[in-house]
Amino acid sequence: MKGSIDARNNLGCLEGKAGNHHRAMKHFVMAAKAGDDLSLENVKKGFMKGVISKDVYANTLRAYHERKNEMKSDEREKAAAARNQL
């Protein structure tokens, strides 16, 4: 419950490779709602293939954007700009 977002994405990948697509999507949705870009891309793919519903995709997308907005700060943007100049 309090694990790594990357671990959730990895579990989703493992479940997908094992053929458990619905379980994989559950892991991807949780990670995407926490702000993981790769998981959101996998949720999008699941939606396009019909594995998850439009409502689940919309709720996940909304939560993803809310989480990303929570993480924004002037200091992070300044640090990113400084890093890009290197």
PDB file of N, CA and C in Angstrom:
ATOM      1  N   MET A   1       0.811  -1.199   0.000  1.00  0.00           N
ATOM      2  CA  MET A   1       0.000   0.000   0.000  1.00  0.00           C
ATOM      3  C   MET A   1       0.850   1.257   0.000  1.00  0.00           C
ATOM      4  N   LYS A   2       2.006   1.204   0.639  1.00  0.00           N
ATOM      5  CA  LYS A   2       2.865   2.373   0.686  1.00  0.00           C
ATOM      6  C   LYS A   2       4.153   2.114  -0.080  1.00  0.00           C
ATOM      7  N   GLY A   3       4.036   1.328  -1.152  1.00  0.00           N
ATOM      8  CA  GLY A   3       5.216   0.931  -1.906  1.00  0.00           C
ATOM      9  C   GLY A   3       5.626   1.941  -2.951  1.00  0.00           C
ATOM     10  N   SER A   4       6.582   1.546  -3.705  1.00  0.00           N
ATOM     11  CA  SER A   4       7.153   2.365  -4.755  1.00  0.00           C
ATOM     12  C   SER A   4       6.226   2.429  -5.967  1.00  0.00           C
ATOM     13  N   ILE A   5       6.165   3.604  -6.562  1.00  0.00           N
ATOM     14  CA  ILE A   5       5.375   3.772  -7.783  1.00  0.00           C
ATOM     15  C   ILE A   5       6.004   2.943  -8.902  1.00  0.00           C
ATOM     16  N   ASP A   6       7.328   2.952  -8.960  1.00  0.00           N
ATOM     17  CA  ASP A   6       8.023   2.157  -9.980  1.00  0.00           C
ATOM     18  C   ASP A   6       7.726   0.671  -9.809  1.00  0.00           C
ATOM     19  N   ALA A   7       7.627   0.230  -8.562  1.00  0.00           N
ATOM     20  CA  ALA A   7       7.314  -1.175  -8.297  1.00  0.00           C
ATOM     21  C   ALA A   7       5.918  -1.519  -8.799  1.00  0.00           C
ATOM     22  N   ARG A   8       4.972  -0.603  -8.635  1.00  0.00           N
ATOM     23  CA  ARG A   8       3.610  -0.830  -9.153  1.00  0.00           C
ATOM     24  C   ARG A   8       3.640  -0.985 -10.660  1.00  0.00           C
ATOM     25  N   ASN A   9       4.398  -0.109 -11.320  1.00  0.00           N
ATOM     26  CA  ASN A   9       4.510  -0.205 -12.774  1.00  0.00           C
ATOM     27  C   ASN A   9       5.132  -1.534 -13.170  1.00  0.00           C
ATOM     28  N   ASN A  10       6.172  -1.937 -12.457  1.00  0.00           N
ATOM     29  CA  ASN A  10       6.828  -3.218 -12.750  1.00  0.00           C
ATOM     30  C   ASN A  10       5.877  -4.390 -12.546  1.00  0.00           C
ATOM     31  N   LEU A  11       5.080  -4.339 -11.478  1.00  0.00           N
ATOM     32  CA  LEU A  11       4.094  -5.404 -11.249  1.00  0.00           C
ATOM     33  C   LEU A  11       3.086  -5.462 -12.390  1.00  0.00           C
ATOM     34  N   GLY A  12       2.689  -4.284 -12.862  1.00  0.00           N
ATOM     35  CA  GLY A  12       1.775  -4.233 -14.003  1.00  0.00           C
ATOM     36  C   GLY A  12       2.378  -4.892 -15.231  1.00  0.00           C
ATOM     37  N   CYS A  13       3.652  -4.627 -15.469  1.00  0.00           N
ATOM     38  CA  CYS A  13       4.344  -5.244 -16.617  1.00  0.00           C
ATOM     39  C   CYS A  13       4.403  -6.762 -16.468  1.00  0.00           C
ATOM     40  N   LEU A  14       4.742  -7.217 -15.265  1.00  0.00           N
ATOM     41  CA  LEU A  14       4.818  -8.664 -15.033  1.00  0.00           C
ATOM     42  C   LEU A  14       3.462  -9.337 -15.204  1.00  0.00           C
ATOM     43  N   GLU A  15       2.427  -8.707 -14.670  1.00  0.00           N
ATOM     44  CA  GLU A  15       1.079  -9.275 -14.807  1.00  0.00           C
ATOM     45  C   GLU A  15       0.648  -9.292 -16.276  1.00  0.00           C
ATOM     46  N   GLY A  16       0.990  -8.247 -16.999  1.00  0.00           N
ATOM     47  CA  GLY A  16       0.648  -8.195 -18.419  1.00  0.00           C
ATOM     48  C   GLY A  16       1.336  -9.295 -19.203  1.00  0.00           C
ATOM     49  N   LYS A  17       2.622  -9.515 -18.919  1.00  0.00           N
ATOM     50  CA  LYS A  17       3.356 -10.576 -19.607  1.00  0.00           C
ATOM     51  C   LYS A  17       2.807 -11.950 -19.274  1.00  0.00           C
ATOM     52  N   ALA A  18       2.238 -12.083 -18.070  1.00  0.00           N
ATOM     53  CA  ALA A  18       1.658 -13.360 -17.658  1.00  0.00           C
ATOM     54  C   ALA A  18       0.238 -13.549 -18.214  1.00  0.00           C
ATOM     55  N   GLY A  19      -0.266 -12.524 -18.913  1.00  0.00           N
ATOM     56  CA  GLY A  19      -1.605 -12.625 -19.494  1.00  0.00           C
ATOM     57  C   GLY A  19      -2.723 -12.135 -18.595  1.00  0.00           C
ATOM     58  N   ASN A  20      -2.373 -11.606 -17.429  1.00  0.00           N
ATOM     59  CA  ASN A  20      -3.374 -11.091 -16.490  1.00  0.00           C
ATOM     60  C   ASN A  20      -3.580  -9.593 -16.738  1.00  0.00           C
ATOM     61  N   HIS A  21      -4.220  -9.273 -17.852  1.00  0.00           N
ATOM     62  CA  HIS A  21      -4.316  -7.885 -18.284  1.00  0.00           C
ATOM     63  C   HIS A  21      -5.146  -7.006 -17.354  1.00  0.00           C
ATOM     64  N   HIS A  22      -6.188  -7.551 -16.791  1.00  0.00           N
ATOM     65  CA  HIS A  22      -7.003  -6.755 -15.863  1.00  0.00           C
ATOM     66  C   HIS A  22      -6.224  -6.442 -14.582  1.00  0.00           C
ATOM     67  N   ARG A  23      -5.473  -7.418 -14.084  1.00  0.00           N
ATOM     68  CA  ARG A  23      -4.636  -7.166 -12.894  1.00  0.00           C
ATOM     69  C   ARG A  23      -3.539  -6.166 -13.222  1.00  0.00           C
ATOM     70  N   ALA A  24      -2.968  -6.280 -14.405  1.00  0.00           N
ATOM     71  CA  ALA A  24      -1.925  -5.345 -14.837  1.00  0.00           C
ATOM     72  C   ALA A  24      -2.474  -3.926 -14.840  1.00  0.00           C
ATOM     73  N   MET A  25      -3.679  -3.771 -15.367  1.00  0.00           N
ATOM     74  CA  MET A  25      -4.278  -2.436 -15.445  1.00  0.00           C
ATOM     75  C   MET A  25      -4.542  -1.852 -14.054  1.00  0.00           C
ATOM     76  N   LYS A  26      -4.880  -2.705 -13.100  1.00  0.00           N
ATOM     77  CA  LYS A  26      -5.085  -2.203 -11.734  1.00  0.00           C
ATOM     78  C   LYS A  26      -3.798  -1.603 -11.190  1.00  0.00           C
ATOM     79  N   HIS A  27      -2.677  -2.265 -11.428  1.00  0.00           N
ATOM     80  CA  HIS A  27      -1.382  -1.747 -10.981  1.00  0.00           C
ATOM     81  C   HIS A  27      -1.034  -0.454 -11.722  1.00  0.00           C
ATOM     82  N   PHE A  28      -1.256  -0.435 -13.029  1.00  0.00           N
ATOM     83  CA  PHE A  28      -0.948   0.752 -13.812  1.00  0.00           C
ATOM     84  C   PHE A  28      -1.813   1.942 -13.390  1.00  0.00           C
ATOM     85  N   VAL A  29      -3.087   1.695 -13.117  1.00  0.00           N
ATOM     86  CA  VAL A  29      -3.983   2.781 -12.689  1.00  0.00           C
ATOM     87  C   VAL A  29      -3.505   3.372 -11.366  1.00  0.00           C
ATOM     88  N   MET A  30      -3.138   2.521 -10.424  1.00  0.00           N
ATOM     89  CA  MET A  30      -2.657   3.025  -9.130  1.00  0.00           C
ATOM     90  C   MET A  30      -1.400   3.872  -9.294  1.00  0.00           C
ATOM     91  N   ALA A  31      -0.471   3.392 -10.107  1.00  0.00           N
ATOM     92  CA  ALA A  31       0.773   4.132 -10.308  1.00  0.00           C
ATOM     93  C   ALA A  31       0.534   5.421 -11.081  1.00  0.00           C
ATOM     94  N   ALA A  32      -0.344   5.384 -12.052  1.00  0.00           N
ATOM     95  CA  ALA A  32      -0.644   6.589 -12.833  1.00  0.00           C
ATOM     96  C   ALA A  32      -1.309   7.647 -11.958  1.00  0.00           C
ATOM     97  N   LYS A  33      -2.198   7.224 -11.079  1.00  0.00           N
ATOM     98  CA  LYS A  33      -2.851   8.176 -10.171  1.00  0.00           C
ATOM     99  C   LYS A  33      -1.846   8.810  -9.218  1.00  0.00           C
ATOM    100  N   ALA A  34      -0.721   8.147  -9.010  1.00  0.00           N
ATOM    101  CA  ALA A  34       0.336   8.692  -8.159  1.00  0.00           C
ATOM    102  C   ALA A  34       1.308   9.564  -8.953  1.00  0.00           C
ATOM    103  N   GLY A  35       1.086   9.668 -10.269  1.00  0.00           N
ATOM    104  CA  GLY A  35       1.894  10.565 -11.079  1.00  0.00           C
ATOM    105  C   GLY A  35       2.927   9.912 -11.973  1.00  0.00           C
ATOM    106  N   ASP A  36       2.850   8.609 -12.188  1.00  0.00           N
ATOM    107  CA  ASP A  36       3.845   7.914 -13.011  1.00  0.00           C
ATOM    108  C   ASP A  36       3.488   8.014 -14.492  1.00  0.00           C
ATOM    109  N   ASP A  37       4.417   8.552 -15.278  1.00  0.00           N
ATOM    110  CA  ASP A  37       4.189   8.777 -16.704  1.00  0.00           C
ATOM    111  C   ASP A  37       4.053   7.476 -17.494  1.00  0.00           C
ATOM    112  N   LEU A  38       4.941   6.522 -17.246  1.00  0.00           N
ATOM    113  CA  LEU A  38       4.896   5.256 -17.981  1.00  0.00           C
ATOM    114  C   LEU A  38       3.592   4.498 -17.721  1.00  0.00           C
ATOM    115  N   SER A  39       3.153   4.530 -16.479  1.00  0.00           N
ATOM    116  CA  SER A  39       1.908   3.842 -16.134  1.00  0.00           C
ATOM    117  C   SER A  39       0.719   4.499 -16.817  1.00  0.00           C
ATOM    118  N   LEU A  40       0.742   5.823 -16.894  1.00  0.00           N
ATOM    119  CA  LEU A  40      -0.352   6.511 -17.586  1.00  0.00           C
ATOM    120  C   LEU A  40      -0.391   6.100 -19.053  1.00  0.00           C
ATOM    121  N   GLU A  41       0.765   5.966 -19.661  1.00  0.00           N
ATOM    122  CA  GLU A  41       0.823   5.527 -21.060  1.00  0.00           C
ATOM    123  C   GLU A  41       0.257   4.112 -21.200  1.00  0.00           C
ATOM    124  N   ASN A  42       0.540   3.244 -20.232  1.00  0.00           N
ATOM    125  CA  ASN A  42      -0.006   1.886 -20.269  1.00  0.00           C
ATOM    126  C   ASN A  42      -1.512   1.875 -20.043  1.00  0.00           C
ATOM    127  N   VAL A  43      -1.996   2.769 -19.200  1.00  0.00           N
ATOM    128  CA  VAL A  43      -3.446   2.885 -18.991  1.00  0.00           C
ATOM    129  C   VAL A  43      -4.110   3.339 -20.290  1.00  0.00           C
ATOM    130  N   LYS A  44      -3.477   4.279 -20.966  1.00  0.00           N
ATOM    131  CA  LYS A  44      -4.006   4.750 -22.255  1.00  0.00           C
ATOM    132  C   LYS A  44      -4.093   3.597 -23.250  1.00  0.00           C
ATOM    133  N   LYS A  45      -3.039   2.783 -23.319  1.00  0.00           N
ATOM    134  CA  LYS A  45      -3.035   1.632 -24.213  1.00  0.00           C
ATOM    135  C   LYS A  45      -4.147   0.650 -23.832  1.00  0.00           C
ATOM    136  N   GLY A  46      -4.330   0.440 -22.526  1.00  0.00           N
ATOM    137  CA  GLY A  46      -5.396  -0.447 -22.058  1.00  0.00           C
ATOM    138  C   GLY A  46      -6.770   0.065 -22.438  1.00  0.00           C
ATOM    139  N   PHE A  47      -6.943   1.377 -22.370  1.00  0.00           N
ATOM    140  CA  PHE A  47      -8.213   1.984 -22.773  1.00  0.00           C
ATOM    141  C   PHE A  47      -8.445   1.786 -24.268  1.00  0.00           C
ATOM    142  N   MET A  48      -7.402   2.018 -25.058  1.00  0.00           N
ATOM    143  CA  MET A  48      -7.543   1.896 -26.512  1.00  0.00           C
ATOM    144  C   MET A  48      -7.816   0.457 -26.942  1.00  0.00           C
ATOM    145  N   LYS A  49      -7.354  -0.508 -26.147  1.00  0.00           N
ATOM    146  CA  LYS A  49      -7.598  -1.923 -26.458  1.00  0.00           C
ATOM    147  C   LYS A  49      -8.898  -2.431 -25.840  1.00  0.00           C
ATOM    148  N   GLY A  50      -9.560  -1.587 -25.039  1.00  0.00           N
ATOM    149  CA  GLY A  50     -10.829  -1.981 -24.441  1.00  0.00           C
ATOM    150  C   GLY A  50     -10.707  -2.753 -23.150  1.00  0.00           C
ATOM    151  N   VAL A  51      -9.518  -2.755 -22.546  1.00  0.00           N
ATOM    152  CA  VAL A  51      -9.315  -3.486 -21.289  1.00  0.00           C
ATOM    153  C   VAL A  51      -9.900  -2.705 -20.119  1.00  0.00           C
ATOM    154  N   ILE A  52      -9.857  -1.371 -20.194  1.00  0.00           N
ATOM    155  CA  ILE A  52     -10.465  -0.547 -19.144  1.00  0.00           C
ATOM    156  C   ILE A  52     -11.476   0.405 -19.769  1.00  0.00           C
ATOM    157  N   SER A  53     -12.419   0.837 -18.955  1.00  0.00           N
ATOM    158  CA  SER A  53     -13.510   1.672 -19.445  1.00  0.00           C
ATOM    159  C   SER A  53     -13.099   3.138 -19.586  1.00  0.00           C
ATOM    160  N   LYS A  54     -13.936   3.875 -20.273  1.00  0.00           N
ATOM    161  CA  LYS A  54     -13.705   5.301 -20.466  1.00  0.00           C
ATOM    162  C   LYS A  54     -13.722   6.031 -19.128  1.00  0.00           C
ATOM    163  N   ASP A  55     -14.621   5.630 -18.231  1.00  0.00           N
ATOM    164  CA  ASP A  55     -14.710   6.266 -16.914  1.00  0.00           C
ATOM    165  C   ASP A  55     -13.444   6.053 -16.097  1.00  0.00           C
ATOM    166  N   VAL A  56     -12.921   4.836 -16.105  1.00  0.00           N
ATOM    167  CA  VAL A  56     -11.691   4.537 -15.359  1.00  0.00           C
ATOM    168  C   VAL A  56     -10.541   5.345 -15.942  1.00  0.00           C
ATOM    169  N   TYR A  57     -10.470   5.400 -17.265  1.00  0.00           N
ATOM    170  CA  TYR A  57      -9.404   6.170 -17.912  1.00  0.00           C
ATOM    171  C   TYR A  57      -9.518   7.652 -17.558  1.00  0.00           C
ATOM    172  N   ALA A  58     -10.721   8.200 -17.624  1.00  0.00           N
ATOM    173  CA  ALA A  58     -10.930   9.616 -17.319  1.00  0.00           C
ATOM    174  C   ALA A  58     -10.574   9.924 -15.861  1.00  0.00           C
ATOM    175  N   ASN A  59     -10.986   9.066 -14.935  1.00  0.00           N
ATOM    176  CA  ASN A  59     -10.670   9.277 -13.521  1.00  0.00           C
ATOM    177  C   ASN A  59      -9.162   9.188 -13.273  1.00  0.00           C
ATOM    178  N   THR A  60      -8.515   8.255 -13.943  1.00  0.00           N
ATOM    179  CA  THR A  60      -7.073   8.102 -13.799  1.00  0.00           C
ATOM    180  C   THR A  60      -6.351   9.326 -14.346  1.00  0.00           C
ATOM    181  N   LEU A  61      -6.782   9.798 -15.495  1.00  0.00           N
ATOM    182  CA  LEU A  61      -6.171  10.973 -16.110  1.00  0.00           C
ATOM    183  C   LEU A  61      -6.340  12.212 -15.226  1.00  0.00           C
ATOM    184  N   ARG A  62      -7.511  12.362 -14.657  1.00  0.00           N
ATOM    185  CA  ARG A  62      -7.787  13.495 -13.766  1.00  0.00           C
ATOM    186  C   ARG A  62      -6.891  13.425 -12.519  1.00  0.00           C
ATOM    187  N   ALA A  63      -6.790  12.249 -11.916  1.00  0.00           N
ATOM    188  CA  ALA A  63      -5.957  12.090 -10.717  1.00  0.00           C
ATOM    189  C   ALA A  63      -4.483  12.302 -11.046  1.00  0.00           C
ATOM    190  N   TYR A  64      -4.053  11.836 -12.214  1.00  0.00           N
ATOM    191  CA  TYR A  64      -2.664  12.025 -12.650  1.00  0.00           C
ATOM    192  C   TYR A  64      -2.335  13.512 -12.737  1.00  0.00           C
ATOM    193  N   HIS A  65      -3.208  14.283 -13.380  1.00  0.00           N
ATOM    194  CA  HIS A  65      -2.973  15.726 -13.529  1.00  0.00           C
ATOM    195  C   HIS A  65      -3.013  16.449 -12.185  1.00  0.00           C
ATOM    196  N   GLU A  66      -3.905  16.041 -11.312  1.00  0.00           N
ATOM    197  CA  GLU A  66      -3.959  16.648  -9.971  1.00  0.00           C
ATOM    198  C   GLU A  66      -2.657  16.394  -9.225  1.00  0.00           C
ATOM    199  N   ARG A  67      -2.158  15.181  -9.315  1.00  0.00           N
ATOM    200  CA  ARG A  67      -0.907  14.836  -8.625  1.00  0.00           C
ATOM    201  C   ARG A  67       0.274  15.620  -9.193  1.00  0.00           C
ATOM    202  N   LYS A  68       0.323  15.742 -10.512  1.00  0.00           N
ATOM    203  CA  LYS A  68       1.395  16.503 -11.149  1.00  0.00           C
ATOM    204  C   LYS A  68       1.339  17.973 -10.729  1.00  0.00           C
ATOM    205  N   ASN A  69       0.139  18.521 -10.631  1.00  0.00           N
ATOM    206  CA  ASN A  69      -0.010  19.920 -10.196  1.00  0.00           C
ATOM    207  C   ASN A  69       0.421  20.106  -8.751  1.00  0.00           C
ATOM    208  N   GLU A  70       0.162  19.107  -7.907  1.00  0.00           N
ATOM    209  CA  GLU A  70       0.585  19.174  -6.506  1.00  0.00           C
ATOM    210  C   GLU A  70       2.103  19.225  -6.382  1.00  0.00           C
ATOM    211  N   MET A  71       2.779  18.576  -7.320  1.00  0.00           N
ATOM    212  CA  MET A  71       4.238  18.482  -7.247  1.00  0.00           C
ATOM    213  C   MET A  71       4.948  19.697  -7.839  1.00  0.00           C
ATOM    214  N   LYS A  72       4.212  20.589  -8.487  1.00  0.00           N
ATOM    215  CA  LYS A  72       4.832  21.764  -9.093  1.00  0.00           C
ATOM    216  C   LYS A  72       5.255  22.755  -8.020  1.00  0.00           C
ATOM    217  N   SER A  73       6.411  23.370  -8.241  1.00  0.00           N
ATOM    218  CA  SER A  73       6.870  24.447  -7.365  1.00  0.00           C
ATOM    219  C   SER A  73       7.874  25.298  -8.127  1.00  0.00           C
ATOM    220  N   ASP A  74       8.034  26.519  -7.699  1.00  0.00           N
ATOM    221  CA  ASP A  74       9.002  27.416  -8.339  1.00  0.00           C
ATOM    222  C   ASP A  74      10.416  26.855  -8.222  1.00  0.00           C
ATOM    223  N   GLU A  75      10.724  26.310  -7.064  1.00  0.00           N
ATOM    224  CA  GLU A  75      12.067  25.776  -6.839  1.00  0.00           C
ATOM    225  C   GLU A  75      12.380  24.618  -7.777  1.00  0.00           C
ATOM    226  N   ARG A  76      11.402  23.742  -8.008  1.00  0.00           N
ATOM    227  CA  ARG A  76      11.619  22.615  -8.911  1.00  0.00           C
ATOM    228  C   ARG A  76      11.806  23.100 -10.344  1.00  0.00           C
ATOM    229  N   GLU A  77      11.018  24.109 -10.733  1.00  0.00           N
ATOM    230  CA  GLU A  77      11.152  24.639 -12.083  1.00  0.00           C
ATOM    231  C   GLU A  77      12.509  25.319 -12.276  1.00  0.00           C
ATOM    232  N   LYS A  78      12.996  26.039 -11.253  1.00  0.00           N
ATOM    233  CA  LYS A  78      14.318  26.669 -11.328  1.00  0.00           C
ATOM    234  C   LYS A  78      15.408  25.602 -11.421  1.00  0.00           C
ATOM    235  N   ALA A  79      15.266  24.540 -10.644  1.00  0.00           N
ATOM    236  CA  ALA A  79      16.253  23.464 -10.668  1.00  0.00           C
ATOM    237  C   ALA A  79      16.260  22.781 -12.032  1.00  0.00           C
ATOM    238  N   ALA A  80      15.088  22.564 -12.611  1.00  0.00           N
ATOM    239  CA  ALA A  80      14.999  21.941 -13.934  1.00  0.00           C
ATOM    240  C   ALA A  80      15.627  22.837 -14.993  1.00  0.00           C
ATOM    241  N   ALA A  81      15.395  24.149 -14.895  1.00  0.00           N
ATOM    242  CA  ALA A  81      15.992  25.083 -15.849  1.00  0.00           C
ATOM    243  C   ALA A  81      17.508  25.077 -15.728  1.00  0.00           C
ATOM    244  N   ALA A  82      18.012  25.063 -14.493  1.00  0.00           N
ATOM    245  CA  ALA A  82      19.465  25.032 -14.265  1.00  0.00           C
ATOM    246  C   ALA A  82      20.058  23.735 -14.796  1.00  0.00           C
ATOM    247  N   ARG A  83      19.361  22.628 -14.599  1.00  0.00           N
ATOM    248  CA  ARG A  83      19.828  21.323 -15.077  1.00  0.00           C
ATOM    249  C   ARG A  83      19.875  21.296 -16.604  1.00  0.00           C
ATOM    250  N   ASN A  84      18.902  21.942 -17.247  1.00  0.00           N
ATOM    251  CA  ASN A  84      18.855  21.969 -18.711  1.00  0.00           C
ATOM    252  C   ASN A  84      19.981  22.815 -19.295  1.00  0.00           C
ATOM    253  N   GLN A  85      20.481  23.767 -18.534  1.00  0.00           N
ATOM    254  CA  GLN A  85      21.554  24.623 -19.019  1.00  0.00           C
ATOM    255  C   GLN A  85      22.906  23.921 -18.984  1.00  0.00           C
ATOM    256  N   LEU A  86      23.024  22.860 -18.215  1.00  0.00           N
ATOM    257  CA  LEU A  86      24.302  22.134 -18.107  1.00  0.00           C
ATOM    258  C   LEU A  86      24.627  21.403 -19.343  1.00  0.00           C
TER     259      LEU A  86
END
